[in-house]
Amino acid sequence: MTDPTPGDVALELERLRATVETGFARLDGALALLVQRSDQLDTRLADHEQRLDALERSRWPLPSVLAMVAVIGLALTLWQTAAH
């Protein structure tokens, strides 16, 4: 085998540098896309949290309403029983 000439080594190093730069550019683009998606997900999550909080605040007081209906029903039953 022959020893590589300095020109061949420089050429291979230049090719290697170009390959590494291309790889870093692709990696940088992929990371930027992931950061953008993460920001979008954070925004959507905050929106869902606000909507869920609004739903929880405007929820009907169903147990209280049911208790009142039960008490009114009991009162009407007692009134009808006492009337006879």
PDB file of N, CA and C in Angstrom:
ATOM      1  N   MET A   1       0.827  -1.166   0.000  1.00  0.00           N
ATOM      2  CA  MET A   1       0.000   0.000   0.000  1.00  0.00           C
ATOM      3  C   MET A   1       0.878   1.238   0.000  1.00  0.00           C
ATOM      4  N   THR A   2       0.359   2.256  -0.630  1.00  0.00           N
ATOM      5  CA  THR A   2       1.132   3.497  -0.695  1.00  0.00           C
ATOM      6  C   THR A   2       0.629   4.451   0.365  1.00  0.00           C
ATOM      7  N   ASP A   3       1.516   5.280   0.805  1.00  0.00           N
ATOM      8  CA  ASP A   3       1.130   6.290   1.790  1.00  0.00           C
ATOM      9  C   ASP A   3       0.310   7.365   1.098  1.00  0.00           C
ATOM     10  N   PRO A   4      -0.753   7.828   1.768  1.00  0.00           N
ATOM     11  CA  PRO A   4      -1.560   8.886   1.147  1.00  0.00           C
ATOM     12  C   PRO A   4      -0.775  10.184   1.095  1.00  0.00           C
ATOM     13  N   THR A   5      -1.043  10.922   0.076  1.00  0.00           N
ATOM     14  CA  THR A   5      -0.373  12.217  -0.065  1.00  0.00           C
ATOM     15  C   THR A   5      -1.104  13.241   0.790  1.00  0.00           C
ATOM     16  N   PRO A   6      -0.444  14.314   1.155  1.00  0.00           N
ATOM     17  CA  PRO A   6      -1.119  15.341   1.958  1.00  0.00           C
ATOM     18  C   PRO A   6      -2.358  15.908   1.259  1.00  0.00           C
ATOM     19  N   GLY A   7      -2.340  15.941  -0.052  1.00  0.00           N
ATOM     20  CA  GLY A   7      -3.514  16.430  -0.785  1.00  0.00           C
ATOM     21  C   GLY A   7      -4.688  15.493  -0.627  1.00  0.00           C
ATOM     22  N   ASP A   8      -4.441  14.158  -0.626  1.00  0.00           N
ATOM     23  CA  ASP A   8      -5.523  13.180  -0.428  1.00  0.00           C
ATOM     24  C   ASP A   8      -6.102  13.280   0.982  1.00  0.00           C
ATOM     25  N   VAL A   9      -5.229  13.466   1.949  1.00  0.00           N
ATOM     26  CA  VAL A   9      -5.689  13.593   3.340  1.00  0.00           C
ATOM     27  C   VAL A   9      -6.539  14.850   3.497  1.00  0.00           C
ATOM     28  N   ALA A  10      -6.086  15.943   2.903  1.00  0.00           N
ATOM     29  CA  ALA A  10      -6.851  17.189   2.991  1.00  0.00           C
ATOM     30  C   ALA A  10      -8.205  17.034   2.321  1.00  0.00           C
ATOM     31  N   LEU A  11      -8.245  16.342   1.185  1.00  0.00           N
ATOM     32  CA  LEU A  11      -9.509  16.129   0.470  1.00  0.00           C
ATOM     33  C   LEU A  11     -10.462  15.279   1.306  1.00  0.00           C
ATOM     34  N   GLU A  12      -9.963  14.227   1.912  1.00  0.00           N
ATOM     35  CA  GLU A  12     -10.810  13.368   2.751  1.00  0.00           C
ATOM     36  C   GLU A  12     -11.297  14.115   3.989  1.00  0.00           C
ATOM     37  N   LEU A  13     -10.414  14.935   4.569  1.00  0.00           N
ATOM     38  CA  LEU A  13     -10.840  15.734   5.717  1.00  0.00           C
ATOM     39  C   LEU A  13     -11.921  16.737   5.329  1.00  0.00           C
ATOM     40  N   GLU A  14     -11.809  17.312   4.144  1.00  0.00           N
ATOM     41  CA  GLU A  14     -12.830  18.251   3.662  1.00  0.00           C
ATOM     42  C   GLU A  14     -14.153  17.533   3.454  1.00  0.00           C
ATOM     43  N   ARG A  15     -14.117  16.333   2.902  1.00  0.00           N
ATOM     44  CA  ARG A  15     -15.351  15.544   2.714  1.00  0.00           C
ATOM     45  C   ARG A  15     -15.964  15.183   4.067  1.00  0.00           C
ATOM     46  N   LEU A  16     -15.106  14.794   4.997  1.00  0.00           N
ATOM     47  CA  LEU A  16     -15.588  14.448   6.330  1.00  0.00           C
ATOM     48  C   LEU A  16     -16.214  15.665   7.014  1.00  0.00           C
ATOM     49  N   ARG A  17     -15.584  16.830   6.861  1.00  0.00           N
ATOM     50  CA  ARG A  17     -16.123  18.051   7.445  1.00  0.00           C
ATOM     51  C   ARG A  17     -17.480  18.388   6.834  1.00  0.00           C
ATOM     52  N   ALA A  18     -17.611  18.232   5.526  1.00  0.00           N
ATOM     53  CA  ALA A  18     -18.884  18.513   4.856  1.00  0.00           C
ATOM     54  C   ALA A  18     -19.966  17.548   5.335  1.00  0.00           C
ATOM     55  N   THR A  19     -19.601  16.289   5.507  1.00  0.00           N
ATOM     56  CA  THR A  19     -20.566  15.297   5.993  1.00  0.00           C
ATOM     57  C   THR A  19     -21.016  15.630   7.409  1.00  0.00           C
ATOM     58  N   VAL A  20     -20.078  16.008   8.259  1.00  0.00           N
ATOM     59  CA  VAL A  20     -20.413  16.370   9.639  1.00  0.00           C
ATOM     60  C   VAL A  20     -21.287  17.626   9.665  1.00  0.00           C
ATOM     61  N   GLU A  21     -20.970  18.619   8.866  1.00  0.00           N
ATOM     62  CA  GLU A  21     -21.788  19.836   8.816  1.00  0.00           C
ATOM     63  C   GLU A  21     -23.203  19.527   8.349  1.00  0.00           C
ATOM     64  N   THR A  22     -23.329  18.664   7.346  1.00  0.00           N
ATOM     65  CA  THR A  22     -24.659  18.275   6.857  1.00  0.00           C
ATOM     66  C   THR A  22     -25.432  17.557   7.951  1.00  0.00           C
ATOM     67  N   GLY A  23     -24.754  16.662   8.653  1.00  0.00           N
ATOM     68  CA  GLY A  23     -25.412  15.948   9.750  1.00  0.00           C
ATOM     69  C   GLY A  23     -25.861  16.885  10.855  1.00  0.00           C
ATOM     70  N   PHE A  24     -25.001  17.840  11.212  1.00  0.00           N
ATOM     71  CA  PHE A  24     -25.379  18.806  12.240  1.00  0.00           C
ATOM     72  C   PHE A  24     -26.542  19.685  11.778  1.00  0.00           C
ATOM     73  N   ALA A  25     -26.573  20.059  10.513  1.00  0.00           N
ATOM     74  CA  ALA A  25     -27.672  20.876   9.995  1.00  0.00           C
ATOM     75  C   ALA A  25     -28.986  20.102  10.069  1.00  0.00           C
ATOM     76  N   ARG A  26     -28.946  18.824   9.716  1.00  0.00           N
ATOM     77  CA  ARG A  26     -30.164  18.000   9.795  1.00  0.00           C
ATOM     78  C   ARG A  26     -30.612  17.839  11.246  1.00  0.00           C
ATOM     79  N   LEU A  27     -29.651  17.616  12.130  1.00  0.00           N
ATOM     80  CA  LEU A  27     -29.965  17.461  13.542  1.00  0.00           C
ATOM     81  C   LEU A  27     -30.531  18.748  14.126  1.00  0.00           C
ATOM     82  N   ASP A  28     -29.948  19.874  13.730  1.00  0.00           N
ATOM     83  CA  ASP A  28     -30.436  21.167  14.202  1.00  0.00           C
ATOM     84  C   ASP A  28     -31.867  21.408  13.723  1.00  0.00           C
ATOM     85  N   GLY A  29     -32.156  21.058  12.481  1.00  0.00           N
ATOM     86  CA  GLY A  29     -33.510  21.204  11.955  1.00  0.00           C
ATOM     87  C   GLY A  29     -34.500  20.322  12.688  1.00  0.00           C
ATOM     88  N   ALA A  30     -34.084  19.086  12.974  1.00  0.00           N
ATOM     89  CA  ALA A  30     -34.978  18.176  13.691  1.00  0.00           C
ATOM     90  C   ALA A  30     -35.238  18.675  15.106  1.00  0.00           C
ATOM     91  N   LEU A  31     -34.207  19.181  15.762  1.00  0.00           N
ATOM     92  CA  LEU A  31     -34.393  19.709  17.106  1.00  0.00           C
ATOM     93  C   LEU A  31     -35.289  20.950  17.111  1.00  0.00           C
ATOM     94  N   ALA A  32     -35.125  21.803  16.111  1.00  0.00           N
ATOM     95  CA  ALA A  32     -35.988  22.992  16.016  1.00  0.00           C
ATOM     96  C   ALA A  32     -37.447  22.578  15.835  1.00  0.00           C
ATOM     97  N   LEU A  33     -37.680  21.536  15.034  1.00  0.00           N
ATOM     98  CA  LEU A  33     -39.041  21.044  14.830  1.00  0.00           C
ATOM     99  C   LEU A  33     -39.608  20.489  16.135  1.00  0.00           C
ATOM    100  N   LEU A  34     -38.793  19.765  16.890  1.00  0.00           N
ATOM    101  CA  LEU A  34     -39.265  19.230  18.164  1.00  0.00           C
ATOM    102  C   LEU A  34     -39.586  20.339  19.157  1.00  0.00           C
ATOM    103  N   VAL A  35     -38.772  21.372  19.176  1.00  0.00           N
ATOM    104  CA  VAL A  35     -39.044  22.507  20.072  1.00  0.00           C
ATOM    105  C   VAL A  35     -40.341  23.201  19.674  1.00  0.00           C
ATOM    106  N   GLN A  36     -40.562  23.359  18.378  1.00  0.00           N
ATOM    107  CA  GLN A  36     -41.797  23.993  17.905  1.00  0.00           C
ATOM    108  C   GLN A  36     -43.012  23.160  18.298  1.00  0.00           C
ATOM    109  N   ARG A  37     -42.929  21.849  18.102  1.00  0.00           N
ATOM    110  CA  ARG A  37     -44.056  20.985  18.484  1.00  0.00           C
ATOM    111  C   ARG A  37     -44.289  21.008  19.984  1.00  0.00           C
ATOM    112  N   SER A  38     -43.218  21.049  20.747  1.00  0.00           N
ATOM    113  CA  SER A  38     -43.354  21.117  22.200  1.00  0.00           C
ATOM    114  C   SER A  38     -44.054  22.409  22.615  1.00  0.00           C
ATOM    115  N   ASP A  39     -43.697  23.517  21.983  1.00  0.00           N
ATOM    116  CA  ASP A  39     -44.358  24.789  22.280  1.00  0.00           C
ATOM    117  C   ASP A  39     -45.837  24.738  21.928  1.00  0.00           C
ATOM    118  N   GLN A  40     -46.152  24.110  20.788  1.00  0.00           N
ATOM    119  CA  GLN A  40     -47.556  23.990  20.395  1.00  0.00           C
ATOM    120  C   GLN A  40     -48.320  23.130  21.387  1.00  0.00           C
ATOM    121  N   LEU A  41     -47.696  22.048  21.848  1.00  0.00           N
ATOM    122  CA  LEU A  41     -48.358  21.188  22.824  1.00  0.00           C
ATOM    123  C   LEU A  41     -48.559  21.909  24.153  1.00  0.00           C
ATOM    124  N   ASP A  42     -47.590  22.717  24.547  1.00  0.00           N
ATOM    125  CA  ASP A  42     -47.746  23.498  25.777  1.00  0.00           C
ATOM    126  C   ASP A  42     -48.921  24.464  25.658  1.00  0.00           C
ATOM    127  N   THR A  43     -49.051  25.088  24.494  1.00  0.00           N
ATOM    128  CA  THR A  43     -50.160  26.015  24.266  1.00  0.00           C
ATOM    129  C   THR A  43     -51.494  25.280  24.312  1.00  0.00           C
ATOM    130  N   ARG A  44     -51.552  24.127  23.644  1.00  0.00           N
ATOM    131  CA  ARG A  44     -52.796  23.349  23.644  1.00  0.00           C
ATOM    132  C   ARG A  44     -53.137  22.855  25.035  1.00  0.00           C
ATOM    133  N   LEU A  45     -52.125  22.428  25.789  1.00  0.00           N
ATOM    134  CA  LEU A  45     -52.363  21.954  27.146  1.00  0.00           C
ATOM    135  C   LEU A  45     -52.896  23.072  28.033  1.00  0.00           C
ATOM    136  N   ALA A  46     -52.332  24.254  27.903  1.00  0.00           N
ATOM    137  CA  ALA A  46     -52.813  25.394  28.687  1.00  0.00           C
ATOM    138  C   ALA A  46     -54.258  25.724  28.316  1.00  0.00           C
ATOM    139  N   ASP A  47     -54.586  25.647  27.020  1.00  0.00           N
ATOM    140  CA  ASP A  47     -55.956  25.897  26.575  1.00  0.00           C
ATOM    141  C   ASP A  47     -56.914  24.865  27.159  1.00  0.00           C
ATOM    142  N   HIS A  48     -56.514  23.595  27.140  1.00  0.00           N
ATOM    143  CA  HIS A  48     -57.368  22.542  27.698  1.00  0.00           C
ATOM    144  C   HIS A  48     -57.537  22.715  29.208  1.00  0.00           C
ATOM    145  N   GLU A  49     -56.481  23.121  29.882  1.00  0.00           N
ATOM    146  CA  GLU A  49     -56.585  23.357  31.323  1.00  0.00           C
ATOM    147  C   GLU A  49     -57.583  24.477  31.615  1.00  0.00           C
ATOM    148  N   GLN A  50     -57.541  25.553  30.830  1.00  0.00           N
ATOM    149  CA  GLN A  50     -58.482  26.664  31.030  1.00  0.00           C
ATOM    150  C   GLN A  50     -59.915  26.206  30.777  1.00  0.00           C
ATOM    151  N   ARG A  51     -60.100  25.424  29.724  1.00  0.00           N
ATOM    152  CA  ARG A  51     -61.459  24.943  29.420  1.00  0.00           C
ATOM    153  C   ARG A  51     -61.960  24.007  30.507  1.00  0.00           C
ATOM    154  N   LEU A  52     -61.100  23.140  31.012  1.00  0.00           N
ATOM    155  CA  LEU A  52     -61.495  22.223  32.072  1.00  0.00           C
ATOM    156  C   LEU A  52     -61.832  22.983  33.351  1.00  0.00           C
ATOM    157  N   ASP A  53     -61.043  23.990  33.675  1.00  0.00           N
ATOM    158  CA  ASP A  53     -61.342  24.815  34.853  1.00  0.00           C
ATOM    159  C   ASP A  53     -62.690  25.508  34.703  1.00  0.00           C
ATOM    160  N   ALA A  54     -62.983  26.007  33.500  1.00  0.00           N
ATOM    161  CA  ALA A  54     -64.275  26.674  33.270  1.00  0.00           C
ATOM    162  C   ALA A  54     -65.423  25.681  33.424  1.00  0.00           C
ATOM    163  N   LEU A  55     -65.246  24.467  32.931  1.00  0.00           N
ATOM    164  CA  LEU A  55     -66.290  23.457  33.089  1.00  0.00           C
ATOM    165  C   LEU A  55     -66.495  23.086  34.557  1.00  0.00           C
ATOM    166  N   GLU A  56     -65.415  22.971  35.290  1.00  0.00           N
ATOM    167  CA  GLU A  56     -65.543  22.623  36.707  1.00  0.00           C
ATOM    168  C   GLU A  56     -66.234  23.734  37.496  1.00  0.00           C
ATOM    169  N   ARG A  57     -65.969  24.989  37.141  1.00  0.00           N
ATOM    170  CA  ARG A  57     -66.613  26.098  37.852  1.00  0.00           C
ATOM    171  C   ARG A  57     -68.094  26.191  37.522  1.00  0.00           C
ATOM    172  N   SER A  58     -68.478  25.890  36.284  1.00  0.00           N
ATOM    173  CA  SER A  58     -69.875  26.050  35.886  1.00  0.00           C
ATOM    174  C   SER A  58     -70.683  24.757  36.043  1.00  0.00           C
ATOM    175  N   ARG A  59     -70.125  23.787  36.722  1.00  0.00           N
ATOM    176  CA  ARG A  59     -70.809  22.507  36.920  1.00  0.00           C
ATOM    177  C   ARG A  59     -72.042  22.703  37.800  1.00  0.00           C
ATOM    178  N   TRP A  60     -73.095  21.977  37.479  1.00  0.00           N
ATOM    179  CA  TRP A  60     -74.311  22.062  38.274  1.00  0.00           C
ATOM    180  C   TRP A  60     -74.063  21.502  39.658  1.00  0.00           C
ATOM    181  N   PRO A  61     -74.688  22.104  40.665  1.00  0.00           N
ATOM    182  CA  PRO A  61     -74.580  21.544  42.025  1.00  0.00           C
ATOM    183  C   PRO A  61     -75.557  20.381  42.183  1.00  0.00           C
ATOM    184  N   LEU A  62     -75.347  19.334  41.425  1.00  0.00           N
ATOM    185  CA  LEU A  62     -76.291  18.224  41.340  1.00  0.00           C
ATOM    186  C   LEU A  62     -76.586  17.569  42.693  1.00  0.00           C
ATOM    187  N   PRO A  63     -75.610  17.283  43.533  1.00  0.00           N
ATOM    188  CA  PRO A  63     -75.957  16.666  44.823  1.00  0.00           C
ATOM    189  C   PRO A  63     -76.880  17.543  45.669  1.00  0.00           C
ATOM    190  N   SER A  64     -76.690  18.851  45.626  1.00  0.00           N
ATOM    191  CA  SER A  64     -77.563  19.750  46.400  1.00  0.00           C
ATOM    192  C   SER A  64     -78.974  19.733  45.843  1.00  0.00           C
ATOM    193  N   VAL A  65     -79.097  19.741  44.543  1.00  0.00           N
ATOM    194  CA  VAL A  65     -80.424  19.713  43.912  1.00  0.00           C
ATOM    195  C   VAL A  65     -81.135  18.407  44.252  1.00  0.00           C
ATOM    196  N   LEU A  66     -80.416  17.290  44.196  1.00  0.00           N
ATOM    197  CA  LEU A  66     -81.031  16.004  44.534  1.00  0.00           C
ATOM    198  C   LEU A  66     -81.475  15.955  45.992  1.00  0.00           C
ATOM    199  N   ALA A  67     -80.697  16.509  46.877  1.00  0.00           N
ATOM    200  CA  ALA A  67     -81.078  16.540  48.289  1.00  0.00           C
ATOM    201  C   ALA A  67     -82.333  17.380  48.485  1.00  0.00           C
ATOM    202  N   MET A  68     -82.417  18.508  47.797  1.00  0.00           N
ATOM    203  CA  MET A  68     -83.614  19.357  47.919  1.00  0.00           C
ATOM    204  C   MET A  68     -84.845  18.641  47.385  1.00  0.00           C
ATOM    205  N   VAL A  69     -84.714  17.938  46.262  1.00  0.00           N
ATOM    206  CA  VAL A  69     -85.852  17.198  45.700  1.00  0.00           C
ATOM    207  C   VAL A  69     -86.299  16.112  46.670  1.00  0.00           C
ATOM    208  N   ALA A  70     -85.340  15.433  47.276  1.00  0.00           N
ATOM    209  CA  ALA A  70     -85.691  14.379  48.238  1.00  0.00           C
ATOM    210  C   ALA A  70     -86.415  14.956  49.446  1.00  0.00           C
ATOM    211  N   VAL A  71     -85.965  16.086  49.957  1.00  0.00           N
ATOM    212  CA  VAL A  71     -86.614  16.713  51.116  1.00  0.00           C
ATOM    213  C   VAL A  71     -88.019  17.189  50.741  1.00  0.00           C
ATOM    214  N   ILE A  72     -88.169  17.774  49.555  1.00  0.00           N
ATOM    215  CA  ILE A  72     -89.501  18.224  49.110  1.00  0.00           C
ATOM    216  C   ILE A  72     -90.434  17.030  48.935  1.00  0.00           C
ATOM    217  N   GLY A  73     -89.916  15.939  48.371  1.00  0.00           N
ATOM    218  CA  GLY A  73     -90.743  14.730  48.218  1.00  0.00           C
ATOM    219  C   GLY A  73     -91.166  14.167  49.554  1.00  0.00           C
ATOM    220  N   LEU A  74     -90.252  14.149  50.518  1.00  0.00           N
ATOM    221  CA  LEU A  74     -90.592  13.668  51.858  1.00  0.00           C
ATOM    222  C   LEU A  74     -91.634  14.573  52.503  1.00  0.00           C
ATOM    223  N   ALA A  75     -91.462  15.891  52.337  1.00  0.00           N
ATOM    224  CA  ALA A  75     -92.427  16.831  52.921  1.00  0.00           C
ATOM    225  C   ALA A  75     -93.812  16.656  52.297  1.00  0.00           C
ATOM    226  N   LEU A  76     -93.876  16.477  50.982  1.00  0.00           N
ATOM    227  CA  LEU A  76     -95.178  16.259  50.349  1.00  0.00           C
ATOM    228  C   LEU A  76     -95.802  14.949  50.787  1.00  0.00           C
ATOM    229  N   THR A  77     -95.007  13.913  50.951  1.00  0.00           N
ATOM    230  CA  THR A  77     -95.545  12.625  51.410  1.00  0.00           C
ATOM    231  C   THR A  77     -96.093  12.764  52.821  1.00  0.00           C
ATOM    232  N   LEU A  78     -95.363  13.417  53.698  1.00  0.00           N
ATOM    233  CA  LEU A  78     -95.839  13.613  55.073  1.00  0.00           C
ATOM    234  C   LEU A  78     -97.102  14.467  55.122  1.00  0.00           C
ATOM    235  N   TRP A  79     -97.169  15.486  54.247  1.00  0.00           N
ATOM    236  CA  TRP A  79     -98.339  16.381  54.191  1.00  0.00           C
ATOM    237  C   TRP A  79     -99.571  15.595  53.729  1.00  0.00           C
ATOM    238  N   GLN A  80     -99.375  14.749  52.666  1.00  0.00           N
ATOM    239  CA  GLN A  80    -100.517  13.955  52.179  1.00  0.00           C
ATOM    240  C   GLN A  80    -100.948  12.939  53.236  1.00  0.00           C
ATOM    241  N   THR A  81     -99.987  12.353  53.934  1.00  0.00           N
ATOM    242  CA  THR A  81    -100.334  11.370  54.972  1.00  0.00           C
ATOM    243  C   THR A  81    -101.059  12.046  56.132  1.00  0.00           C
ATOM    244  N   ALA A  82    -100.643  13.217  56.492  1.00  0.00           N
ATOM    245  CA  ALA A  82    -101.284  13.944  57.594  1.00  0.00           C
ATOM    246  C   ALA A  82    -102.662  14.463  57.185  1.00  0.00           C
ATOM    247  N   ALA A  83    -102.888  14.724  55.914  1.00  0.00           N
ATOM    248  CA  ALA A  83    -104.163  15.254  55.449  1.00  0.00           C
ATOM    249  C   ALA A  83    -105.249  14.202  55.489  1.00  0.00           C
ATOM    250  N   HIS A  84    -104.890  12.913  55.433  1.00  0.00           N
ATOM    251  CA  HIS A  84    -105.918  11.859  55.452  1.00  0.00           C
ATOM    252  C   HIS A  84    -106.240  11.498  56.825  1.00  0.00           C
TER     253      HIS A  84
END
